[in-house]
Protein backbone atom coordinates (compact mmCIF):
# COMPACT_ATOMS: atom_id res chain seq x y z
CA MET A 1 132.27 254.93 202.51
CA SER A 2 131.14 258.01 200.60
CA ASN A 3 130.22 256.16 197.41
CA LEU A 4 127.54 253.97 199.00
CA PRO A 5 124.21 253.68 197.18
CA THR A 6 121.53 256.17 198.22
CA THR A 7 118.46 254.33 196.89
CA LEU A 8 117.04 250.92 197.69
CA PRO A 9 117.25 249.57 194.09
CA ALA A 10 120.92 250.61 193.90
CA TRP A 11 121.66 248.96 197.25
CA LEU A 12 119.99 245.71 196.19
CA ALA A 13 121.91 245.73 192.90
CA LEU A 14 125.18 246.18 194.82
CA LEU A 15 124.34 243.31 197.19
CA GLU A 16 123.43 241.05 194.26
CA SER A 17 126.71 241.82 192.48
CA ARG A 18 128.71 241.21 195.66
CA HIS A 19 126.76 238.01 196.30
CA ALA A 20 127.79 236.66 192.91
CA GLU A 21 131.42 236.92 194.00
CA THR A 22 130.97 235.53 197.53
CA VAL A 23 131.83 231.90 198.09
CA ILE A 24 129.36 230.70 200.71
CA ASN A 25 130.96 229.04 203.64
CA MET A 26 127.99 227.75 205.62
CA GLY A 27 128.20 228.67 209.26
CA LEU A 28 127.22 231.66 211.33
CA ASP A 29 130.62 232.97 212.44
CA ARG A 30 130.68 235.86 209.96
CA VAL A 31 127.10 236.95 210.65
CA LEU A 32 127.62 236.66 214.41
CA ALA A 33 130.72 238.86 214.20
CA VAL A 34 128.79 241.60 212.38
CA LYS A 35 125.82 241.18 214.77
CA GLU A 36 128.12 241.91 217.74
CA ARG A 37 129.52 245.02 216.07
CA LEU A 38 125.99 246.15 215.22
CA GLN A 39 125.01 245.54 218.86
CA LEU A 40 121.86 243.86 217.57
CA SER A 41 119.50 242.70 220.31
CA PHE A 42 115.75 242.63 220.87
CA SER A 43 114.12 244.13 223.95
CA CYS A 44 110.79 242.43 223.17
CA PRO A 45 109.71 238.77 222.85
CA VAL A 46 110.92 237.09 219.64
CA ILE A 47 108.94 234.39 217.85
CA MET A 48 110.92 232.49 215.20
CA VAL A 49 109.28 230.26 212.58
CA ALA A 50 110.98 227.55 210.51
CA GLY A 51 109.54 224.70 208.44
CA THR A 52 109.35 223.27 204.95
CA ASN A 53 105.85 224.61 204.28
CA GLY A 54 103.55 226.85 206.30
CA LYS A 55 106.16 229.32 207.60
CA GLY A 56 104.71 232.37 205.89
CA SER A 57 101.12 231.48 206.80
CA THR A 58 102.07 230.97 210.45
CA CYS A 59 103.91 234.32 210.57
CA ALA A 60 100.98 236.13 208.93
CA MET A 61 98.48 234.65 211.41
CA LEU A 62 100.68 235.62 214.37
CA GLU A 63 101.02 239.16 213.02
CA SER A 64 97.28 239.49 212.41
CA VAL A 65 96.18 238.22 215.85
CA LEU A 66 98.82 240.19 217.78
CA MET A 67 98.00 243.41 215.91
CA ARG A 68 94.28 242.90 216.68
CA ALA A 69 95.26 242.66 220.32
CA GLY A 70 96.81 246.12 220.06
CA TYR A 71 100.48 245.14 220.06
CA LYS A 72 103.16 246.80 217.92
CA VAL A 73 104.41 243.98 215.69
CA GLY A 74 107.57 243.74 213.59
CA LEU A 75 107.65 241.00 210.96
CA TYR A 76 110.50 239.69 208.81
CA ILE A 77 109.07 237.44 206.09
CA LYS A 78 110.40 236.28 202.73
CA PRO A 79 110.87 236.13 199.86
CA HIS A 80 109.03 239.02 198.23
CA PHE A 81 106.75 238.98 195.20
CA LEU A 82 106.99 242.46 193.68
CA ASP A 83 108.91 244.75 196.06
CA PHE A 84 111.76 244.02 198.44
CA ASN A 85 109.95 246.12 201.07
CA GLU A 86 107.46 243.24 201.54
CA ARG A 87 110.15 241.50 203.61
CA ALA A 88 110.01 244.04 206.46
CA ARG A 89 106.66 244.91 208.02
CA ILE A 90 106.17 247.32 210.90
CA ASN A 91 102.62 247.21 212.27
CA GLY A 92 101.35 245.67 209.06
CA GLU A 93 102.90 248.36 206.84
CA LEU A 94 105.81 247.74 204.49
CA ALA A 95 109.04 249.42 205.58
CA SER A 96 109.83 252.42 203.40
CA ASP A 97 112.84 252.62 201.08
CA ASP A 98 114.41 255.28 203.30
CA VAL A 99 114.20 253.14 206.43
CA LEU A 100 115.68 250.16 204.61
CA VAL A 101 118.52 252.23 203.14
CA ALA A 102 119.35 253.51 206.63
CA ALA A 103 119.43 249.92 207.92
CA PHE A 104 121.70 248.83 205.05
CA ASN A 105 124.02 251.75 205.82
CA ALA A 106 124.14 250.69 209.47
CA VAL A 107 125.23 247.15 208.56
CA GLU A 108 127.77 248.39 206.02
CA ALA A 109 129.23 250.82 208.58
CA VAL A 110 130.25 247.94 210.88
CA ARG A 111 130.78 245.14 208.36
CA GLY A 112 134.45 245.96 207.78
CA ASP A 113 135.96 243.34 205.49
CA THR A 114 133.64 240.52 206.61
CA PRO A 115 132.00 239.05 203.49
CA LEU A 116 128.22 238.61 203.75
CA THR A 117 125.83 236.99 201.29
CA TYR A 118 122.80 238.92 200.03
CA PHE A 119 120.59 237.01 202.46
CA GLU A 120 122.90 237.48 205.43
CA PHE A 121 123.32 241.21 204.81
CA THR A 122 119.60 241.89 204.30
CA THR A 123 118.68 239.72 207.30
CA LEU A 124 121.00 241.70 209.59
CA ALA A 125 119.62 244.97 208.20
CA ILE A 126 115.95 244.06 208.64
CA MET A 127 116.48 242.61 212.13
CA HIS A 128 118.36 245.82 213.07
CA LEU A 129 115.45 247.86 211.71
CA ILE A 130 112.82 245.87 213.68
CA ALA A 131 114.91 245.82 216.88
CA GLY A 132 115.13 249.62 216.80
CA ALA A 133 111.49 250.30 215.94
CA GLY A 134 110.03 250.07 219.47
CA MET A 135 108.04 246.89 218.87
CA ASP A 136 106.14 244.84 221.47
CA VAL A 137 106.94 241.59 219.62
CA ALA A 138 109.14 240.50 216.70
CA ILE A 139 108.23 237.65 214.34
CA LEU A 140 111.15 236.28 212.32
CA GLU A 141 110.80 233.81 209.46
CA VAL A 142 113.76 231.51 208.89
CA GLY A 143 115.03 231.28 205.30
CA LEU A 144 116.57 227.86 204.81
CA GLY A 145 116.67 225.09 207.39
CA GLY A 146 117.32 226.65 210.78
CA ARG A 147 120.57 225.70 212.45
CA LEU A 148 122.80 227.58 209.98
CA ASP A 149 120.29 230.20 208.84
CA ALA A 150 121.29 233.83 209.43
CA VAL A 151 118.09 234.48 211.41
CA ASN A 152 119.28 231.93 213.99
CA ILE A 153 121.89 234.37 215.38
CA VAL A 154 118.99 235.61 217.54
CA ASP A 155 117.71 233.56 220.50
CA ALA A 156 113.97 233.11 220.11
CA ASP A 157 111.65 233.09 223.13
CA VAL A 158 109.29 230.86 221.16
CA ALA A 159 110.49 228.78 218.20
CA ILE A 160 107.98 227.10 215.87
CA VAL A 161 108.75 224.38 213.33
CA THR A 162 105.67 224.08 211.11
CA SER A 163 106.29 221.07 208.90
CA VAL A 164 109.24 218.90 208.04
CA ASP A 165 109.39 217.65 204.51
CA ILE A 166 111.97 217.17 201.81
CA ASP A 167 112.81 220.30 199.85
CA HIS A 168 116.31 221.83 199.74
CA THR A 169 118.22 218.54 199.65
CA ASP A 170 121.41 220.19 198.37
CA TYR A 171 121.89 221.92 201.70
CA LEU A 172 119.84 220.15 204.31
CA GLY A 173 119.99 216.43 203.58
CA ASP A 174 117.52 214.12 201.92
CA THR A 175 115.70 212.52 204.82
CA ARG A 176 113.07 213.95 207.17
CA GLU A 177 115.32 213.05 210.11
CA ALA A 178 118.25 215.05 208.68
CA ILE A 179 116.00 218.01 207.84
CA GLY A 180 114.25 217.85 211.23
CA PHE A 181 117.60 218.16 212.98
CA GLU A 182 118.47 221.29 210.93
CA LYS A 183 115.13 222.93 211.73
CA ALA A 184 115.37 222.06 215.45
CA GLY A 185 118.52 224.22 215.46
CA ILE A 186 116.30 227.24 216.22
CA PHE A 187 115.24 225.75 219.59
CA ARG A 188 116.84 227.15 222.75
CA ALA A 189 117.45 225.76 226.24
CA GLY A 190 114.63 226.60 228.62
CA LYS A 191 112.57 228.26 225.90
CA THR A 192 109.32 227.19 224.23
CA ALA A 193 109.80 224.95 221.17
CA ILE A 194 106.66 224.12 219.17
CA CYS A 195 106.31 221.57 216.37
CA SER A 196 103.01 221.53 214.48
CA ASP A 197 104.00 218.67 212.17
CA PRO A 198 101.68 215.82 213.23
CA VAL A 199 104.53 213.33 212.69
CA PRO A 200 107.59 215.08 214.11
CA PRO A 201 110.97 213.54 213.22
CA GLN A 202 112.63 211.80 216.16
CA SER A 203 115.76 213.88 215.51
CA LEU A 204 113.81 217.05 216.33
CA ILE A 205 112.41 215.58 219.56
CA ASP A 206 115.83 214.26 220.59
CA HIS A 207 117.54 217.61 219.95
CA ALA A 208 114.90 219.53 221.92
CA ASN A 209 115.31 217.14 224.85
CA ALA A 210 119.11 217.16 224.65
CA ILE A 211 119.33 220.96 224.96
CA GLY A 212 116.52 221.24 227.52
CA ALA A 213 114.01 223.14 225.37
CA ASP A 214 110.36 223.12 226.48
CA LEU A 215 108.92 221.06 223.62
CA TRP A 216 105.24 221.35 222.66
CA LEU A 217 104.09 218.60 220.27
CA MET A 218 100.88 218.52 218.25
CA GLY A 219 98.62 215.85 219.75
CA ARG A 220 100.56 215.68 223.03
CA ASP A 221 100.73 219.27 224.34
CA PHE A 222 98.17 220.93 222.08
CA ASN A 223 95.54 219.82 219.60
CA TYR A 224 92.49 220.91 217.67
CA SER A 225 89.03 219.56 216.93
CA GLY A 226 86.32 220.89 214.69
CA ASP A 227 83.31 220.48 212.45
CA LYS A 228 82.24 222.16 209.23
CA GLN A 229 81.47 225.51 210.88
CA GLN A 230 84.08 226.05 213.56
CA TRP A 231 87.04 224.61 215.42
CA ASN A 232 88.51 224.46 218.92
CA TYR A 233 92.07 224.66 220.24
CA GLY A 234 93.20 222.83 223.36
CA GLY A 235 96.60 223.55 224.89
CA ARG A 236 98.36 222.70 228.13
CA SER A 237 96.24 225.02 230.25
CA GLN A 238 94.22 227.09 227.80
CA ARG A 239 91.22 226.28 225.60
CA ARG A 240 89.93 228.41 222.76
CA ASN A 241 86.47 227.34 221.61
CA SER A 242 84.17 228.08 218.65
CA LEU A 243 86.83 229.68 216.47
CA ALA A 244 86.11 230.56 212.86
CA TYR A 245 88.34 228.85 210.31
CA PRO A 246 91.31 230.97 209.17
CA SER A 247 90.74 233.08 206.07
CA LEU A 248 93.79 231.36 204.57
CA ARG A 249 92.13 228.42 202.86
CA GLY A 250 93.31 224.85 202.97
CA ALA A 251 93.42 221.82 205.22
CA ASN A 252 96.98 222.49 206.44
CA GLN A 253 96.10 225.96 207.76
CA ILE A 254 94.44 224.52 210.86
CA LEU A 255 97.79 222.95 211.84
CA ASN A 256 99.45 226.33 211.37
CA ALA A 257 96.71 228.12 213.34
CA SER A 258 97.06 225.61 216.20
CA ALA A 259 100.79 226.35 216.43
CA VAL A 260 99.99 230.07 216.53
CA LEU A 261 97.65 229.53 219.47
CA ALA A 262 100.23 227.35 221.23
CA ALA A 263 102.78 230.18 220.83
CA LEU A 264 100.30 232.69 222.25
CA GLU A 265 99.55 230.34 225.16
CA ALA A 266 103.28 230.09 225.91
CA LEU A 267 103.50 233.92 225.86
CA LYS A 268 100.23 234.58 227.68
CA LEU A 269 101.91 236.44 230.56
CA GLU A 270 104.03 238.69 228.31
CA LEU A 271 101.47 239.19 225.50
CA PRO A 272 97.93 238.37 226.68
CA VAL A 273 95.44 238.03 223.82
CA GLY A 274 91.65 237.81 224.24
CA ALA A 275 89.28 235.37 222.56
CA GLN A 276 87.73 237.97 220.25
CA GLU A 277 91.15 239.15 219.04
CA VAL A 278 92.09 235.57 218.18
CA ARG A 279 88.83 235.08 216.26
CA THR A 280 89.09 238.33 214.34
CA GLY A 281 92.82 237.98 213.70
CA LEU A 282 92.46 234.53 212.14
CA VAL A 283 89.52 235.60 209.97
CA THR A 284 91.17 238.76 208.61
CA VAL A 285 94.67 237.43 207.88
CA GLU A 286 95.80 237.89 204.27
CA LEU A 287 98.83 236.39 202.61
CA PRO A 288 99.48 236.47 198.87
CA GLY A 289 100.20 233.24 197.03
CA ARG A 290 98.86 230.79 199.63
CA PHE A 291 95.87 229.21 197.90
CA GLN A 292 94.91 232.77 196.99
CA VAL A 293 91.69 232.71 194.94
CA LEU A 294 91.36 235.89 192.89
CA PRO A 295 87.95 237.48 192.25
CA GLY A 296 86.47 237.24 188.75
CA ARG A 297 86.24 234.60 186.04
CA PRO A 298 87.81 232.34 185.03
CA THR A 299 88.81 231.50 188.61
CA VAL A 300 92.53 232.10 189.16
CA ILE A 301 94.39 230.48 192.08
CA LEU A 302 97.91 231.58 193.08
CA ASP A 303 99.92 229.16 195.22
CA VAL A 304 103.66 229.06 195.86
CA ALA A 305 103.65 225.23 196.26
CA HIS A 306 107.09 224.03 195.11
CA ASN A 307 107.54 220.59 196.67
CA PRO A 308 105.38 217.44 196.70
CA HIS A 309 104.12 218.06 200.25
CA ALA A 310 102.78 221.52 199.34
CA ALA A 311 101.56 220.34 195.92
CA SER A 312 99.47 217.56 197.43
CA ALA A 313 97.87 220.11 199.81
CA LEU A 314 97.15 222.34 196.78
CA ASN A 315 95.69 219.37 194.89
CA GLN A 316 93.44 218.58 197.86
CA ASN A 317 92.27 222.21 198.02
CA LEU A 318 91.49 222.15 194.29
CA GLY A 319 89.40 219.02 194.87
CA ASN A 320 87.33 220.87 197.48
CA MET A 321 86.48 223.78 195.19
CA GLY A 322 83.45 222.52 193.32
CA PHE A 323 83.20 221.73 189.62
CA HIS A 324 85.27 223.39 186.89
CA PRO A 325 85.19 221.87 183.39
CA TYR A 326 88.91 222.39 182.73
CA THR A 327 91.93 223.25 184.85
CA TYR A 328 94.87 225.13 183.33
CA ALA A 329 98.21 224.99 185.13
CA VAL A 330 100.76 227.79 184.85
CA PHE A 331 103.81 226.00 186.21
CA GLY A 332 107.50 226.85 186.54
CA SER A 333 110.06 225.38 188.91
CA MET A 334 113.64 225.58 190.10
CA HIS A 335 115.61 222.64 188.73
CA ASP A 336 116.73 221.44 192.18
CA LYS A 337 113.16 220.64 193.27
CA ASP A 338 111.41 217.25 193.10
CA ILE A 339 109.63 218.26 189.90
CA ASP A 340 108.31 214.76 189.15
CA GLY A 341 106.78 214.62 192.64
CA VAL A 342 105.08 218.01 192.19
CA ILE A 343 103.67 217.04 188.78
CA ALA A 344 102.45 213.70 190.12
CA ALA A 345 100.69 215.42 193.03
CA MET A 346 98.91 217.84 190.65
CA SER A 347 98.13 215.43 187.79
CA GLU A 348 94.66 214.51 189.04
CA HIS A 349 93.15 217.91 188.26
CA VAL A 350 95.30 219.51 185.55
CA ASP A 351 94.10 219.21 181.93
CA HIS A 352 96.19 221.89 180.21
CA TRP A 353 99.80 222.67 181.12
CA CYS A 354 101.22 226.12 180.34
CA LEU A 355 104.87 225.65 181.31
CA ALA A 356 107.22 228.55 181.93
CA THR A 357 110.96 229.06 182.26
CA LEU A 358 111.55 231.25 185.33
CA PRO A 359 113.82 234.34 185.43
CA SER A 360 116.57 232.64 187.43
CA PRO A 361 119.76 230.75 186.59
CA ARG A 362 118.37 227.97 188.82
CA SER A 363 115.21 227.59 186.76
CA ALA A 364 114.26 224.36 185.04
CA SER A 365 113.52 225.11 181.37
CA ALA A 366 109.93 224.87 180.15
CA SER A 367 110.95 222.13 177.73
CA GLU A 368 112.45 220.07 180.58
CA LEU A 369 109.16 220.44 182.45
CA ALA A 370 107.22 219.37 179.34
CA ALA A 371 109.26 216.17 179.03
CA LYS A 372 108.54 215.39 182.70
CA VAL A 373 104.79 216.03 182.40
CA GLN A 374 104.64 213.61 179.45
CA ILE A 375 106.32 210.88 181.50
CA VAL A 376 104.68 211.49 184.90
CA GLN A 377 101.07 212.34 184.11
CA GLU A 378 98.95 209.50 182.74
CA GLU A 379 97.75 210.39 179.25
CA LYS A 380 94.54 212.41 179.56
CA ALA A 381 91.97 212.58 176.78
CA GLU A 382 92.30 216.29 176.02
CA ARG A 383 95.56 217.13 177.72
CA THR A 384 97.70 219.83 176.14
CA ILE A 385 101.26 220.92 176.94
CA ASN A 386 102.64 224.29 175.83
CA ILE A 387 105.94 225.95 176.71
CA PHE A 388 106.73 229.63 177.28
CA ASP A 389 109.76 231.81 178.02
CA ASP A 390 108.28 233.37 181.16
CA PRO A 391 105.30 233.04 183.54
CA GLY A 392 103.53 236.12 182.19
CA SER A 393 103.34 234.63 178.68
CA ALA A 394 102.18 231.26 180.03
CA TYR A 395 99.46 233.02 182.00
CA ALA A 396 98.35 235.11 179.01
CA ASN A 397 97.99 231.89 177.01
CA ALA A 398 95.90 230.26 179.76
CA ILE A 399 93.64 233.33 180.03
CA SER A 400 93.11 233.39 176.27
CA ARG A 401 92.02 229.73 176.21
CA ALA A 402 90.12 229.24 179.47
CA GLY A 403 86.33 229.39 179.51
CA GLU A 404 84.65 231.50 182.18
CA ASN A 405 83.76 228.40 184.25
CA ASP A 406 87.28 226.96 184.00
CA ARG A 407 90.08 227.66 186.45
CA ILE A 408 93.75 228.57 186.19
CA VAL A 409 96.15 227.49 188.93
CA VAL A 410 99.54 229.23 189.08
CA PHE A 411 102.16 227.37 191.13
CA GLY A 412 105.65 225.86 191.37
CA SER A 413 107.73 228.71 192.76
CA PHE A 414 107.53 232.19 194.23
CA LEU A 415 108.88 233.33 190.86
CA THR A 416 105.98 231.72 188.96
CA VAL A 417 103.45 233.53 191.13
CA ALA A 418 105.42 236.81 191.11
CA GLY A 419 105.66 236.73 187.30
CA VAL A 420 101.89 236.36 187.00
CA MET A 421 101.24 239.05 189.64
CA ALA A 422 103.47 241.44 187.70
CA ALA A 423 101.78 240.57 184.39
CA ARG A 424 98.33 241.13 185.89
CA LYS A 425 99.44 244.43 187.37
CA SER A 426 100.79 245.76 184.08
CA ALA A 427 97.71 244.54 182.16
CA PHE A 428 95.53 246.34 184.73
CA HIS A 429 97.41 249.61 184.25
């Protein structure tokens, strides 16, 4: 044990090298075994969030509102953009390297010869860290699916499924019904189960009923109404009126905010939250890469949209922005995504494509993307397509060509957005 890493970067490098050698057998037996040895359990309410899109936004809104109400909040959210520490937040602050290293050491001390993937190991470590930090509430974001995700070794008091759409078909199946069943795996008997997808898959409803979860459906158990200025939430026994729209922009955010208020209604005895705290929490929430409009000109929008469902929401948000003569797209994608569907959803507004290969073995190459754009997007009068080795170079090209009234939209993957964030940061310094 004496030769364990002492710094966070060294630990992460070790986990990545081990991960490369680990053959993944799906299933939670290994993680559960280590959880028992770690004696991991939460003494506070746990809210778990799964879904194809909207997970991160929902977690960030929950964190913001609950912190406004004076609660100590632990949040596990992923992936990260620039620093691994972004994945573990204690009262809104990133966990320090030292705290994370201690959590990694704790997992390693009981792991024995049980192989764990990078995600399983880091999930155990961060949940251990949050469980021991004296929190009033823990918010846990599911990675992939739900049923077999490492986060699902914990029993949530409230489980939220935000949206069900087709994304990781390799693992989860290629129909909404198959995916809905996987995500419903986070529901528990006798506990609150919320689905904010307006068209929930029957498989999700059936599973919730079969296990005896208390299922809250959008439109049946809770809903929203609103006008240009404000909106209202109506739940089973609680109304919240004249709310300001969330600071996270976009049509889909009102669905996410409604699920947040349903979760708070379900927990109103354990974690009461007043009207003003809800209002302020929703207005002050910040989350990078979710239709994030940066100050300055040309207008730059960062969005992690990487499937057709998210891309069509992004396209709709672009349409609501007012006039920009030209739109430049900085786009990179993993090869296992529905790239044609994403391009088709974004074709309406994009004039100039700056395509990037991402720093991952799973990346589609920029030239593959270029071939797809040529086939999928109807020929536009002044359309251009250029290819680059990385997102930073693609972004630099867009910045050099865009006029001050134009806009640049960066999307397709967390890695596309992270590459541009890093490039902007180094240019700034």
